[in-house]
Every structure is written in C-alpha cells, then in structure tokens.
Amino acid sequence: MKKFVNLLRREQGLTLIELIAAITIFAMVSGLIYAVMMFGMRSFNQVTTENKLRDEGDLLMSAVINEMYTFGAETVTASAYEVNSNQEIISSSIKLQRDGTGGAWETISIKDEKLSIVRSDDTNADSMTSVTSRLTPGSSIVLQCGNTGSCSSGLIHINLNLLKTYGGKDYTLTLESTFGF
C-alpha cells in the first residue's frame, strides 16, 4: 500500500499516451451523453406536439358535436363544397335549422383552414375554439341522408386534417368521426 501512495506523491504528471487515452475516453463518453440528451429532447418535443394536435382535434370535434346537440336542429342541409386541383375538399358546410324555414339557424363550416360556427342571431363567424394548428385541404363536414335537400335525420361525417409546424417540421393528425342526428 505504501508503494502505491508513493507513486501518487511523485507528482510527475501524465505521460502523453495517458493524456491521449483520457481525452479519447472523455470525448466518447461526452459524445454519447450529448446524443442521448438530444434524442430525448427531440422525442419530448415530438410527443408534446402530437399531444397538442390530438387535444386540439378533440376540442374541435367536441365543439361541433356539442353545437349539434345543444342547438336541437329539426333539419340539416348540406351546402355545396369546393375542391382544389388535387380533388381535396377545401370548403364545406352544413346548415342546422329549427322552428321551420324562418326559424333560428346555425352554419358549421370548414373554410380557410379553420372551423367556424355562425348563428342566425350573430352573423360574425366565430370559431368557438382557439387552436394553434390549422386545418389542411381534405378537412370536411359532409351530410349523408336519403334526400338531396334538407334532412330531418341522417349521418354527419367529419374529417379533420390538422397541421402544426414546430421546429421547422410539420406534424399532421387526421381525425374522422361519423354521428347521427
């Protein structure tokens, strides 16, 4: 034991080979730690962004369903939808109406990368929700029923394609829902 202690007290320093070996090991370990930390940060940001997209999609979907059932429409009418050159729907809407043709109405539409709900007593388009992602072409709200005009019962198909850009990378999420009225 005394021999080992005497070696440490000599204070001669490190040889060049010992120094190169120590620097090499340090560089490998620090490079590995950096890579693991960066992978963790990227994964965290990706999961956070995907969770935000999912939350915003759920918020938009529940806003539409909530409006449908709280408004209590007697008839629902589909309006014509617009398509782009790739045959993707870029604008679509449905009109909810109660108390006959002269009664209160609401229009739920997807246009200009956002969802809006307009009421007969308030002509300003109101998104009813504040989301940071945007709706891409292909997002639609489509009425399916036996009639070509107004329907008192049928199915509503909602397709939301959400896009969020974070850190120069685009994240997308597609939500589809069908419900009856």
N, C-alpha and C. Protein backbone atom coordinates (compact mmCIF):
# COMPACT_ATOMS: atom_id res chain seq x y z
N MET A 1 0.82 -1.18 0.00
CA MET A 1 0.00 0.00 0.00
C MET A 1 0.87 1.25 0.00
N LYS A 2 1.98 1.20 0.74
CA LYS A 2 2.85 2.35 0.82
C LYS A 2 3.48 2.64 -0.54
N LYS A 3 3.71 1.60 -1.31
CA LYS A 3 4.30 1.75 -2.65
C LYS A 3 3.35 2.55 -3.55
N PHE A 4 2.05 2.25 -3.48
CA PHE A 4 1.04 2.94 -4.28
C PHE A 4 0.94 4.42 -3.88
N VAL A 5 0.98 4.70 -2.60
CA VAL A 5 0.90 6.07 -2.12
C VAL A 5 2.12 6.86 -2.58
N ASN A 6 3.26 6.24 -2.57
CA ASN A 6 4.48 6.92 -3.03
C ASN A 6 4.41 7.24 -4.51
N LEU A 7 3.77 6.38 -5.31
CA LEU A 7 3.62 6.66 -6.74
C LEU A 7 2.74 7.90 -6.95
N LEU A 8 1.72 8.06 -6.14
CA LEU A 8 0.84 9.21 -6.28
C LEU A 8 1.50 10.51 -5.82
N ARG A 9 2.44 10.44 -4.90
CA ARG A 9 3.10 11.63 -4.37
C ARG A 9 4.20 12.16 -5.29
N ARG A 10 4.60 11.40 -6.25
CA ARG A 10 5.72 11.82 -7.09
C ARG A 10 5.40 13.06 -7.90
N GLU A 11 4.14 13.28 -8.25
CA GLU A 11 3.68 14.45 -9.00
C GLU A 11 4.47 14.67 -10.28
N GLN A 12 4.65 13.61 -11.02
CA GLN A 12 5.36 13.73 -12.30
C GLN A 12 4.40 14.06 -13.44
N GLY A 13 3.09 13.98 -13.21
CA GLY A 13 2.13 14.29 -14.25
C GLY A 13 1.79 13.06 -15.07
N LEU A 14 1.12 13.31 -16.18
CA LEU A 14 0.69 12.23 -17.06
C LEU A 14 1.62 12.14 -18.26
N THR A 15 1.76 10.95 -18.75
CA THR A 15 2.51 10.79 -20.00
C THR A 15 1.59 11.17 -21.15
N LEU A 16 2.15 11.34 -22.32
CA LEU A 16 1.37 11.72 -23.50
C LEU A 16 0.35 10.64 -23.84
N ILE A 17 0.71 9.41 -23.72
CA ILE A 17 -0.20 8.31 -24.04
C ILE A 17 -1.36 8.28 -23.05
N GLU A 18 -1.09 8.49 -21.76
CA GLU A 18 -2.15 8.53 -20.78
C GLU A 18 -3.09 9.71 -21.03
N LEU A 19 -2.54 10.84 -21.43
CA LEU A 19 -3.34 12.02 -21.72
C LEU A 19 -4.24 11.78 -22.93
N ILE A 20 -3.70 11.20 -23.99
CA ILE A 20 -4.49 10.90 -25.19
C ILE A 20 -5.60 9.91 -24.87
N ALA A 21 -5.28 8.89 -24.08
CA ALA A 21 -6.29 7.90 -23.70
C ALA A 21 -7.40 8.55 -22.88
N ALA A 22 -7.04 9.42 -21.94
CA ALA A 22 -8.05 10.08 -21.10
C ALA A 22 -8.94 11.00 -21.93
N ILE A 23 -8.34 11.76 -22.85
CA ILE A 23 -9.13 12.67 -23.70
C ILE A 23 -10.05 11.87 -24.62
N THR A 24 -9.56 10.76 -25.16
CA THR A 24 -10.37 9.92 -26.04
C THR A 24 -11.57 9.34 -25.29
N ILE A 25 -11.35 8.82 -24.12
CA ILE A 25 -12.45 8.26 -23.33
C ILE A 25 -13.45 9.36 -22.96
N PHE A 26 -12.95 10.53 -22.56
CA PHE A 26 -13.83 11.64 -22.22
C PHE A 26 -14.67 12.07 -23.43
N ALA A 27 -14.05 12.15 -24.61
CA ALA A 27 -14.77 12.56 -25.82
C ALA A 27 -15.85 11.54 -26.18
N MET A 28 -15.55 10.26 -26.05
CA MET A 28 -16.55 9.23 -26.37
C MET A 28 -17.72 9.29 -25.40
N VAL A 29 -17.43 9.42 -24.13
CA VAL A 29 -18.49 9.47 -23.13
C VAL A 29 -19.33 10.73 -23.28
N SER A 30 -18.69 11.89 -23.47
CA SER A 30 -19.46 13.13 -23.62
C SER A 30 -20.26 13.13 -24.92
N GLY A 31 -19.73 12.56 -25.99
CA GLY A 31 -20.48 12.44 -27.24
C GLY A 31 -21.70 11.56 -27.08
N LEU A 32 -21.57 10.48 -26.34
CA LEU A 32 -22.69 9.59 -26.08
C LEU A 32 -23.75 10.29 -25.23
N ILE A 33 -23.32 11.00 -24.21
CA ILE A 33 -24.26 11.74 -23.36
C ILE A 33 -25.00 12.80 -24.17
N TYR A 34 -24.29 13.52 -25.03
CA TYR A 34 -24.91 14.55 -25.87
C TYR A 34 -25.95 13.93 -26.81
N ALA A 35 -25.60 12.81 -27.45
CA ALA A 35 -26.53 12.16 -28.38
C ALA A 35 -27.79 11.70 -27.66
N VAL A 36 -27.64 11.12 -26.50
CA VAL A 36 -28.81 10.66 -25.74
C VAL A 36 -29.68 11.84 -25.31
N MET A 37 -29.06 12.93 -24.89
CA MET A 37 -29.84 14.11 -24.48
C MET A 37 -30.59 14.72 -25.66
N MET A 38 -29.94 14.84 -26.82
CA MET A 38 -30.60 15.41 -27.99
C MET A 38 -31.73 14.52 -28.47
N PHE A 39 -31.54 13.20 -28.45
CA PHE A 39 -32.61 12.28 -28.82
C PHE A 39 -33.79 12.44 -27.87
N GLY A 40 -33.51 12.57 -26.60
CA GLY A 40 -34.57 12.76 -25.61
C GLY A 40 -35.32 14.05 -25.82
N MET A 41 -34.62 15.13 -26.12
CA MET A 41 -35.27 16.43 -26.35
C MET A 41 -36.14 16.39 -27.61
N ARG A 42 -35.62 15.78 -28.69
CA ARG A 42 -36.41 15.68 -29.92
C ARG A 42 -37.65 14.83 -29.68
N SER A 43 -37.50 13.73 -28.98
CA SER A 43 -38.64 12.86 -28.69
C SER A 43 -39.67 13.59 -27.84
N PHE A 44 -39.21 14.32 -26.85
CA PHE A 44 -40.11 15.09 -25.98
C PHE A 44 -40.89 16.12 -26.79
N ASN A 45 -40.21 16.87 -27.67
CA ASN A 45 -40.88 17.88 -28.49
C ASN A 45 -41.88 17.24 -29.44
N GLN A 46 -41.52 16.10 -30.02
CA GLN A 46 -42.41 15.43 -30.95
C GLN A 46 -43.67 14.94 -30.22
N VAL A 47 -43.50 14.31 -29.09
CA VAL A 47 -44.65 13.82 -28.33
C VAL A 47 -45.52 14.97 -27.85
N THR A 48 -44.90 16.06 -27.40
CA THR A 48 -45.66 17.23 -26.95
C THR A 48 -46.49 17.81 -28.09
N THR A 49 -45.89 17.93 -29.27
CA THR A 49 -46.61 18.47 -30.42
C THR A 49 -47.74 17.55 -30.85
N GLU A 50 -47.50 16.25 -30.87
CA GLU A 50 -48.55 15.31 -31.24
C GLU A 50 -49.69 15.33 -30.23
N ASN A 51 -49.37 15.47 -28.96
CA ASN A 51 -50.42 15.56 -27.93
C ASN A 51 -51.24 16.84 -28.08
N LYS A 52 -50.57 17.94 -28.43
CA LYS A 52 -51.30 19.20 -28.66
C LYS A 52 -52.25 19.05 -29.85
N LEU A 53 -51.77 18.40 -30.92
CA LEU A 53 -52.63 18.16 -32.08
C LEU A 53 -53.84 17.33 -31.70
N ARG A 54 -53.62 16.28 -30.95
CA ARG A 54 -54.71 15.41 -30.52
C ARG A 54 -55.71 16.18 -29.65
N ASP A 55 -55.21 16.98 -28.73
CA ASP A 55 -56.09 17.78 -27.87
C ASP A 55 -56.91 18.78 -28.68
N GLU A 56 -56.26 19.44 -29.64
CA GLU A 56 -56.97 20.42 -30.46
C GLU A 56 -58.00 19.74 -31.36
N GLY A 57 -57.67 18.58 -31.89
CA GLY A 57 -58.63 17.83 -32.70
C GLY A 57 -59.84 17.42 -31.88
N ASP A 58 -59.60 16.94 -30.68
CA ASP A 58 -60.71 16.56 -29.79
C ASP A 58 -61.56 17.78 -29.44
N LEU A 59 -60.92 18.91 -29.23
CA LEU A 59 -61.64 20.14 -28.90
C LEU A 59 -62.55 20.56 -30.06
N LEU A 60 -62.03 20.53 -31.29
CA LEU A 60 -62.84 20.90 -32.45
C LEU A 60 -63.99 19.92 -32.65
N MET A 61 -63.69 18.62 -32.54
CA MET A 61 -64.71 17.60 -32.72
C MET A 61 -65.82 17.76 -31.69
N SER A 62 -65.45 17.97 -30.43
CA SER A 62 -66.47 18.10 -29.38
C SER A 62 -67.25 19.40 -29.53
N ALA A 63 -66.63 20.45 -30.07
CA ALA A 63 -67.35 21.71 -30.30
C ALA A 63 -68.46 21.50 -31.33
N VAL A 64 -68.16 20.77 -32.40
CA VAL A 64 -69.17 20.51 -33.43
C VAL A 64 -70.30 19.65 -32.87
N ILE A 65 -69.94 18.57 -32.20
CA ILE A 65 -70.96 17.67 -31.65
C ILE A 65 -71.80 18.39 -30.59
N ASN A 66 -71.16 19.18 -29.77
CA ASN A 66 -71.88 19.94 -28.74
C ASN A 66 -72.87 20.92 -29.38
N GLU A 67 -72.43 21.63 -30.41
CA GLU A 67 -73.33 22.57 -31.10
C GLU A 67 -74.50 21.84 -31.74
N MET A 68 -74.21 20.68 -32.33
CA MET A 68 -75.28 19.90 -32.97
C MET A 68 -76.38 19.55 -31.97
N TYR A 69 -75.98 19.06 -30.83
CA TYR A 69 -76.98 18.56 -29.89
C TYR A 69 -77.58 19.65 -29.00
N THR A 70 -76.86 20.71 -28.70
CA THR A 70 -77.44 21.78 -27.89
C THR A 70 -78.36 22.68 -28.71
N PHE A 71 -78.07 22.81 -30.01
CA PHE A 71 -78.92 23.64 -30.86
C PHE A 71 -80.28 22.98 -31.08
N GLY A 72 -80.31 21.67 -31.16
CA GLY A 72 -81.57 20.95 -31.34
C GLY A 72 -82.20 21.19 -32.70
N ALA A 73 -81.44 20.99 -33.74
CA ALA A 73 -81.93 21.25 -35.10
C ALA A 73 -83.03 20.27 -35.49
N GLU A 74 -84.02 20.80 -36.21
CA GLU A 74 -85.08 19.95 -36.76
C GLU A 74 -84.68 19.43 -38.14
N THR A 75 -83.97 20.27 -38.89
CA THR A 75 -83.48 19.84 -40.21
C THR A 75 -82.03 20.26 -40.38
N VAL A 76 -81.33 19.50 -41.20
CA VAL A 76 -79.94 19.80 -41.53
C VAL A 76 -79.83 19.81 -43.04
N THR A 77 -79.16 20.84 -43.57
CA THR A 77 -78.98 20.99 -45.00
C THR A 77 -77.50 21.09 -45.32
N ALA A 78 -77.08 20.36 -46.35
CA ALA A 78 -75.68 20.43 -46.77
C ALA A 78 -75.55 21.46 -47.88
N SER A 79 -74.51 22.25 -47.82
CA SER A 79 -74.25 23.18 -48.91
C SER A 79 -73.16 22.59 -49.80
N ALA A 80 -73.02 23.16 -50.98
CA ALA A 80 -72.02 22.65 -51.92
C ALA A 80 -70.63 22.85 -51.35
N TYR A 81 -69.74 21.93 -51.65
CA TYR A 81 -68.37 22.10 -51.18
C TYR A 81 -67.43 22.32 -52.34
N GLU A 82 -66.34 23.02 -52.05
CA GLU A 82 -65.35 23.35 -53.06
C GLU A 82 -64.20 22.36 -52.99
N VAL A 83 -63.64 22.03 -54.16
CA VAL A 83 -62.47 21.14 -54.21
C VAL A 83 -61.34 21.86 -54.92
N ASN A 84 -60.11 21.48 -54.59
CA ASN A 84 -58.94 22.07 -55.26
C ASN A 84 -58.52 21.20 -56.44
N SER A 85 -57.39 21.51 -57.05
CA SER A 85 -56.93 20.78 -58.23
C SER A 85 -56.58 19.33 -57.91
N ASN A 86 -56.29 19.01 -56.66
CA ASN A 86 -55.99 17.63 -56.26
C ASN A 86 -57.24 16.88 -55.83
N GLN A 87 -58.40 17.46 -56.10
CA GLN A 87 -59.69 16.88 -55.73
C GLN A 87 -59.85 16.69 -54.22
N GLU A 88 -59.22 17.58 -53.44
CA GLU A 88 -59.39 17.58 -51.99
C GLU A 88 -60.40 18.65 -51.63
N ILE A 89 -61.26 18.35 -50.69
CA ILE A 89 -62.26 19.33 -50.25
C ILE A 89 -61.56 20.45 -49.50
N ILE A 90 -61.80 21.69 -49.93
CA ILE A 90 -61.18 22.83 -49.24
C ILE A 90 -62.21 23.67 -48.50
N SER A 91 -63.49 23.47 -48.81
CA SER A 91 -64.54 24.23 -48.14
C SER A 91 -65.82 23.40 -48.12
N SER A 92 -66.40 23.24 -46.94
CA SER A 92 -67.66 22.52 -46.82
C SER A 92 -68.41 23.05 -45.61
N SER A 93 -69.74 22.90 -45.64
CA SER A 93 -70.53 23.38 -44.50
C SER A 93 -71.87 22.66 -44.45
N ILE A 94 -72.48 22.73 -43.28
CA ILE A 94 -73.84 22.25 -43.10
C ILE A 94 -74.62 23.34 -42.39
N LYS A 95 -75.92 23.37 -42.64
CA LYS A 95 -76.78 24.38 -42.01
C LYS A 95 -77.79 23.65 -41.14
N LEU A 96 -77.82 24.02 -39.88
CA LEU A 96 -78.77 23.47 -38.91
C LEU A 96 -79.92 24.45 -38.79
N GLN A 97 -81.16 23.93 -38.79
CA GLN A 97 -82.31 24.82 -38.73
C GLN A 97 -83.37 24.23 -37.80
N ARG A 98 -84.03 25.12 -37.06
CA ARG A 98 -85.14 24.69 -36.20
C ARG A 98 -86.28 25.69 -36.35
N ASP A 99 -87.45 25.30 -35.91
CA ASP A 99 -88.65 26.14 -35.97
C ASP A 99 -89.03 26.49 -37.41
N GLY A 100 -88.93 25.54 -38.32
CA GLY A 100 -89.33 25.77 -39.71
C GLY A 100 -88.29 26.55 -40.49
N THR A 101 -88.65 26.95 -41.70
CA THR A 101 -87.70 27.63 -42.58
C THR A 101 -87.37 29.04 -42.13
N GLY A 102 -88.24 29.68 -41.38
CA GLY A 102 -87.97 31.05 -40.93
C GLY A 102 -87.38 31.12 -39.53
N GLY A 103 -87.09 29.99 -38.94
CA GLY A 103 -86.62 29.96 -37.56
C GLY A 103 -85.12 30.16 -37.44
N ALA A 104 -84.63 29.90 -36.26
CA ALA A 104 -83.20 30.07 -35.97
C ALA A 104 -82.38 29.04 -36.75
N TRP A 105 -81.18 29.43 -37.10
CA TRP A 105 -80.28 28.53 -37.82
C TRP A 105 -78.84 28.73 -37.37
N GLU A 106 -78.03 27.74 -37.66
CA GLU A 106 -76.59 27.78 -37.43
C GLU A 106 -75.91 27.16 -38.63
N THR A 107 -74.76 27.69 -38.98
CA THR A 107 -73.96 27.10 -40.04
C THR A 107 -72.62 26.69 -39.44
N ILE A 108 -72.29 25.43 -39.64
CA ILE A 108 -70.98 24.91 -39.22
C ILE A 108 -70.19 24.69 -40.49
N SER A 109 -69.07 25.39 -40.62
CA SER A 109 -68.31 25.30 -41.87
C SER A 109 -66.82 25.14 -41.62
N ILE A 110 -66.18 24.53 -42.59
CA ILE A 110 -64.73 24.42 -42.61
C ILE A 110 -64.27 25.16 -43.86
N LYS A 111 -63.56 26.26 -43.64
CA LYS A 111 -63.10 27.08 -44.76
C LYS A 111 -61.90 27.89 -44.31
N ASP A 112 -61.00 28.15 -45.21
CA ASP A 112 -59.81 28.96 -44.94
C ASP A 112 -59.02 28.43 -43.74
N GLU A 113 -58.85 27.13 -43.70
CA GLU A 113 -58.03 26.45 -42.69
C GLU A 113 -58.56 26.58 -41.27
N LYS A 114 -59.86 26.82 -41.12
CA LYS A 114 -60.41 26.87 -39.76
C LYS A 114 -61.87 26.43 -39.76
N LEU A 115 -62.32 26.07 -38.59
CA LEU A 115 -63.70 25.66 -38.37
C LEU A 115 -64.44 26.85 -37.79
N SER A 116 -65.60 27.17 -38.36
CA SER A 116 -66.37 28.29 -37.82
C SER A 116 -67.82 27.90 -37.63
N ILE A 117 -68.44 28.52 -36.66
CA ILE A 117 -69.85 28.30 -36.36
C ILE A 117 -70.53 29.66 -36.35
N VAL A 118 -71.51 29.84 -37.24
CA VAL A 118 -72.21 31.12 -37.36
C VAL A 118 -73.67 30.89 -36.98
N ARG A 119 -74.20 31.75 -36.14
CA ARG A 119 -75.59 31.66 -35.69
C ARG A 119 -76.43 32.72 -36.38
N SER A 120 -77.72 32.47 -36.48
CA SER A 120 -78.62 33.43 -37.14
C SER A 120 -78.69 34.75 -36.38
N ASP A 121 -78.54 34.71 -35.07
CA ASP A 121 -78.61 35.94 -34.29
C ASP A 121 -77.27 36.66 -34.20
N ASP A 122 -76.21 36.06 -34.72
CA ASP A 122 -74.88 36.67 -34.71
C ASP A 122 -74.20 36.31 -36.02
N THR A 123 -74.11 37.26 -36.94
CA THR A 123 -73.59 36.96 -38.27
C THR A 123 -72.07 36.93 -38.34
N ASN A 124 -71.39 37.25 -37.27
CA ASN A 124 -69.92 37.16 -37.27
C ASN A 124 -69.49 35.72 -37.10
N ALA A 125 -68.60 35.28 -37.98
CA ALA A 125 -68.09 33.91 -37.88
C ALA A 125 -67.30 33.78 -36.58
N ASP A 126 -67.59 32.74 -35.85
CA ASP A 126 -66.94 32.53 -34.57
C ASP A 126 -66.39 31.11 -34.55
N SER A 127 -65.11 30.99 -34.32
CA SER A 127 -64.53 29.65 -34.32
C SER A 127 -64.90 28.89 -33.06
N MET A 128 -65.38 29.57 -32.02
CA MET A 128 -65.80 28.97 -30.76
C MET A 128 -64.65 28.29 -30.01
N THR A 129 -63.56 28.10 -30.66
CA THR A 129 -62.39 27.46 -30.04
C THR A 129 -61.15 28.17 -30.53
N SER A 130 -60.13 28.22 -29.71
CA SER A 130 -58.88 28.81 -30.15
C SER A 130 -57.83 27.71 -30.22
N VAL A 131 -57.43 27.39 -31.43
CA VAL A 131 -56.43 26.36 -31.65
C VAL A 131 -55.27 26.96 -32.42
N THR A 132 -54.08 26.42 -32.20
CA THR A 132 -52.90 26.95 -32.87
C THR A 132 -52.58 26.18 -34.15
N SER A 133 -53.15 25.01 -34.32
CA SER A 133 -52.92 24.27 -35.56
C SER A 133 -53.93 24.74 -36.60
N ARG A 134 -53.71 24.33 -37.84
CA ARG A 134 -54.65 24.73 -38.88
C ARG A 134 -55.18 23.50 -39.61
N LEU A 135 -56.33 23.67 -40.22
CA LEU A 135 -56.95 22.59 -40.97
C LEU A 135 -56.43 22.61 -42.39
N THR A 136 -56.01 21.48 -42.89
CA THR A 136 -55.46 21.39 -44.24
C THR A 136 -56.55 20.97 -45.22
N PRO A 137 -56.31 21.12 -46.54
CA PRO A 137 -57.28 20.63 -47.52
C PRO A 137 -57.56 19.15 -47.29
N GLY A 138 -58.80 18.78 -47.47
CA GLY A 138 -59.24 17.43 -47.17
C GLY A 138 -60.09 17.39 -45.92
N SER A 139 -60.02 18.46 -45.12
CA SER A 139 -60.89 18.56 -43.95
C SER A 139 -62.30 18.87 -44.43
N SER A 140 -63.28 18.17 -43.90
CA SER A 140 -64.63 18.37 -44.41
C SER A 140 -65.67 18.02 -43.35
N ILE A 141 -66.86 18.55 -43.58
CA ILE A 141 -68.04 18.18 -42.82
C ILE A 141 -69.12 17.91 -43.86
N VAL A 142 -69.56 16.65 -43.95
CA VAL A 142 -70.43 16.22 -45.04
C VAL A 142 -71.68 15.57 -44.46
N LEU A 143 -72.82 15.91 -45.02
CA LEU A 143 -74.11 15.35 -44.62
C LEU A 143 -74.45 14.18 -45.52
N GLN A 144 -74.91 13.09 -44.92
CA GLN A 144 -75.35 11.93 -45.70
C GLN A 144 -76.76 11.57 -45.26
N CYS A 145 -77.70 11.68 -46.20
CA CYS A 145 -79.08 11.29 -45.90
C CYS A 145 -79.76 10.90 -47.21
N GLY A 146 -80.98 10.43 -47.12
CA GLY A 146 -81.69 9.97 -48.30
C GLY A 146 -82.13 11.08 -49.23
N ASN A 147 -82.36 12.27 -48.71
CA ASN A 147 -82.84 13.40 -49.51
C ASN A 147 -81.67 14.18 -50.08
N THR A 148 -81.95 14.95 -51.12
CA THR A 148 -80.92 15.82 -51.67
C THR A 148 -80.96 17.21 -51.03
N GLY A 149 -82.07 17.56 -50.41
CA GLY A 149 -82.20 18.87 -49.76
C GLY A 149 -82.00 18.76 -48.27
N SER A 150 -83.01 19.22 -47.54
CA SER A 150 -82.96 19.17 -46.08
C SER A 150 -83.30 17.78 -45.57
N CYS A 151 -82.68 17.42 -44.45
CA CYS A 151 -82.91 16.11 -43.84
C CYS A 151 -83.28 16.30 -42.38
N SER A 152 -84.23 15.49 -41.93
CA SER A 152 -84.57 15.53 -40.50
C SER A 152 -83.81 14.45 -39.73
N SER A 153 -83.20 13.52 -40.45
CA SER A 153 -82.34 12.51 -39.82
C SER A 153 -81.31 12.07 -40.85
N GLY A 154 -80.17 11.67 -40.36
CA GLY A 154 -79.09 11.23 -41.25
C GLY A 154 -77.78 11.13 -40.50
N LEU A 155 -76.71 11.08 -41.27
CA LEU A 155 -75.37 10.98 -40.70
C LEU A 155 -74.53 12.19 -41.09
N ILE A 156 -73.67 12.60 -40.19
CA ILE A 156 -72.72 13.67 -40.49
C ILE A 156 -71.32 13.09 -40.37
N HIS A 157 -70.56 13.22 -41.45
CA HIS A 157 -69.18 12.74 -41.47
C HIS A 157 -68.26 13.95 -41.31
N ILE A 158 -67.40 13.90 -40.31
CA ILE A 158 -66.44 14.97 -40.09
C ILE A 158 -65.05 14.39 -40.27
N ASN A 159 -64.26 15.05 -41.09
CA ASN A 159 -62.87 14.65 -41.32
C ASN A 159 -62.00 15.89 -41.07
N LEU A 160 -61.17 15.83 -40.06
CA LEU A 160 -60.29 16.95 -39.72
C LEU A 160 -58.84 16.54 -39.95
N ASN A 161 -58.16 17.26 -40.83
CA ASN A 161 -56.73 17.06 -41.05
C ASN A 161 -56.02 18.26 -40.43
N LEU A 162 -55.39 18.04 -39.30
CA LEU A 162 -54.73 19.12 -38.57
C LEU A 162 -53.25 19.15 -38.90
N LEU A 163 -52.70 20.35 -39.01
CA LEU A 163 -51.29 20.54 -39.31
C LEU A 163 -50.71 21.54 -38.31
N LYS A 164 -49.57 21.18 -37.75
CA LYS A 164 -48.87 22.08 -36.82
C LYS A 164 -47.39 22.02 -37.17
N THR A 165 -46.78 23.18 -37.29
CA THR A 165 -45.35 23.26 -37.58
C THR A 165 -44.62 23.61 -36.30
N TYR A 166 -43.61 22.81 -35.99
CA TYR A 166 -42.81 23.06 -34.78
C TYR A 166 -41.36 22.74 -35.10
N GLY A 167 -40.51 23.69 -34.90
CA GLY A 167 -39.08 23.47 -35.14
C GLY A 167 -38.76 23.20 -36.60
N GLY A 168 -39.53 23.79 -37.51
CA GLY A 168 -39.29 23.59 -38.93
C GLY A 168 -39.80 22.27 -39.47
N LYS A 169 -40.51 21.51 -38.67
CA LYS A 169 -41.03 20.21 -39.09
C LYS A 169 -42.55 20.23 -38.97
N ASP A 170 -43.23 19.66 -39.98
CA ASP A 170 -44.68 19.61 -39.98
C ASP A 170 -45.17 18.33 -39.32
N TYR A 171 -46.14 18.47 -38.44
CA TYR A 171 -46.78 17.34 -37.79
C TYR A 171 -48.24 17.35 -38.21
N THR A 172 -48.76 16.20 -38.62
CA THR A 172 -50.15 16.12 -39.06
C THR A 172 -50.91 15.08 -38.24
N LEU A 173 -52.20 15.27 -38.17
CA LEU A 173 -53.09 14.33 -37.50
C LEU A 173 -54.41 14.35 -38.23
N THR A 174 -54.96 13.18 -38.50
CA THR A 174 -56.25 13.07 -39.17
C THR A 174 -57.25 12.46 -38.20
N LEU A 175 -58.36 13.14 -38.00
CA LEU A 175 -59.44 12.65 -37.16
C LEU A 175 -60.68 12.48 -38.01
N GLU A 176 -61.34 11.35 -37.88
CA GLU A 176 -62.58 11.10 -38.60
C GLU A 176 -63.65 10.70 -37.60
N SER A 177 -64.85 11.21 -37.81
CA SER A 177 -65.96 10.87 -36.93
C SER A 177 -67.25 10.88 -37.74
N THR A 178 -68.12 9.96 -37.40
CA THR A 178 -69.44 9.90 -38.01
C THR A 178 -70.45 9.78 -36.89
N PHE A 179 -71.47 10.60 -36.93
CA PHE A 179 -72.51 10.50 -35.92
C PHE A 179 -73.85 10.85 -36.55
N GLY A 180 -74.89 10.35 -35.93
CA GLY A 180 -76.24 10.56 -36.44
C GLY A 180 -76.97 11.65 -35.69
N PHE A 181 -78.02 12.14 -36.33
CA PHE A 181 -78.86 13.15 -35.69
C PHE A 181 -80.31 12.81 -35.93
